[in-house]
C-alpha cells in the first residue's frame, strides 16, 4: 500500500507548452545566483522562437500547482539524453544536473 505522506512530495512533469514561456523563464530567474544579463521579455521571446523540435524537449516539474523545476531532454533511437535538470529544493536553493 502506498504511504499517504509520499503523495505530498510527489512531483509531476508535464510538457511545457508555448504559453508556458513566462513560467519556464521564471523558474530560472528565481535562482539566487542567476545574473539578470538578459531581460525577462527577451528570454520569453527566445523561448517562443525555438523550433518545434527544441520546444518538444521542454518539461516543467510541478508540485501541486507550483512549478518546482524544469528539465530538457531528447530521445534518439533507443537512447534518451537530458540537457539539464533544474530543481528548487528549499526555497531559492537550486540543484542543477
Protein backbone atom coordinates (compact mmCIF):
# COMPACT_ATOMS: atom_id res chain seq x y z
CA UNK A 1 0.00 0.00 0.00
CA UNK A 2 1.22 3.50 -0.78
CA UNK A 3 2.13 5.78 2.06
CA UNK A 4 -0.28 8.78 2.03
CA UNK A 5 2.61 11.03 3.12
CA UNK A 6 4.51 10.22 -0.08
CA UNK A 7 1.82 11.95 -2.16
CA UNK A 8 2.57 15.34 -0.65
CA UNK A 9 6.11 15.14 -2.03
CA UNK A 10 5.12 13.93 -5.47
CA UNK A 11 6.40 15.92 -8.43
CA UNK A 12 4.61 15.71 -11.76
CA UNK A 13 6.29 16.57 -15.03
CA UNK A 14 4.34 17.96 -17.96
CA UNK A 15 5.50 19.01 -21.38
CA UNK A 16 5.97 22.77 -21.47
CA UNK A 17 3.71 24.50 -23.97
CA UNK A 18 4.29 27.69 -25.90
CA UNK A 19 2.02 29.55 -23.47
CA UNK A 20 4.25 28.38 -20.58
CA UNK A 21 7.09 30.69 -21.65
CA UNK A 22 6.77 33.02 -18.65
CA UNK A 23 6.74 30.08 -16.22
CA UNK A 24 9.78 28.48 -17.90
CA UNK A 25 11.72 31.74 -17.63
CA UNK A 26 10.57 32.42 -14.05
CA UNK A 27 11.92 29.05 -12.87
CA UNK A 28 15.40 30.14 -13.94
CA UNK A 29 15.08 33.70 -12.70
CA UNK A 30 14.14 32.53 -9.18
CA UNK A 31 17.63 31.17 -8.71
CA UNK A 32 19.63 33.18 -6.18
CA UNK A 33 22.80 33.02 -8.28
CA UNK A 34 21.25 33.85 -11.66
CA UNK A 35 22.57 37.13 -13.01
CA UNK A 36 19.93 39.10 -14.95
CA UNK A 37 22.09 39.54 -18.06
CA UNK A 38 19.07 39.34 -20.32
CA UNK A 39 15.65 40.86 -19.74
CA UNK A 40 12.73 38.61 -18.90
CA UNK A 41 10.92 39.76 -22.06
CA UNK A 42 13.95 38.82 -24.17
CA UNK A 43 14.15 35.36 -22.58
CA UNK A 44 10.44 34.78 -23.20
CA UNK A 45 10.80 35.87 -26.84
CA UNK A 46 13.76 33.49 -27.31
CA UNK A 47 11.73 30.66 -25.75
CA UNK A 48 8.89 31.26 -28.21
CA UNK A 49 11.26 31.42 -31.21
CA UNK A 50 12.71 27.93 -30.72
CA UNK A 51 11.87 25.41 -33.41
CA UNK A 52 9.31 22.66 -32.80
CA UNK A 53 11.98 20.02 -32.09
CA UNK A 54 13.53 22.11 -29.31
CA UNK A 55 10.11 23.01 -27.91
CA UNK A 56 9.21 19.32 -27.64
CA UNK A 57 12.24 18.77 -25.35
CA UNK A 58 10.99 21.05 -22.56
CA UNK A 59 9.21 19.80 -19.43
CA UNK A 60 8.09 21.70 -16.35
CA UNK A 61 8.11 19.96 -12.97
CA UNK A 62 5.12 20.68 -10.72
CA UNK A 63 4.27 20.05 -7.08
CA UNK A 64 0.53 20.66 -6.86
CA UNK A 65 0.06 23.98 -8.71
CA UNK A 66 3.59 25.28 -8.15
CA UNK A 67 6.41 24.96 -10.70
CA UNK A 68 9.41 23.49 -8.86
CA UNK A 69 11.80 22.87 -11.71
CA UNK A 70 12.33 22.19 -15.34
CA UNK A 71 14.06 19.63 -17.46
CA UNK A 72 15.06 19.31 -21.06
CA UNK A 73 15.75 16.01 -22.76
CA UNK A 74 15.55 14.36 -26.14
CA UNK A 75 15.33 10.81 -27.47
CA UNK A 76 17.44 9.44 -30.29
CA UNK A 77 16.53 5.89 -31.22
CA UNK A 78 16.74 3.75 -28.08
CA UNK A 79 18.58 6.40 -26.08
CA UNK A 80 17.27 9.37 -24.11
CA UNK A 81 19.62 12.16 -23.06
CA UNK A 82 18.97 15.12 -20.82
CA UNK A 83 20.35 18.58 -21.42
CA UNK A 84 19.77 19.60 -17.81
CA UNK A 85 17.51 19.25 -14.82
CA UNK A 86 16.86 22.30 -12.67
CA UNK A 87 15.13 21.80 -9.30
CA UNK A 88 14.27 24.03 -6.37
CA UNK A 89 14.98 22.01 -3.28
CA UNK A 90 14.49 24.57 -0.48
CA UNK A 91 13.16 27.98 -1.47
CA UNK A 92 15.80 29.63 -3.63
CA UNK A 93 18.33 26.83 -3.40
CA UNK A 94 18.98 25.27 -6.75
CA UNK A 95 20.20 21.89 -7.84
CA UNK A 96 21.23 21.60 -11.47
CA UNK A 97 22.20 18.27 -13.01
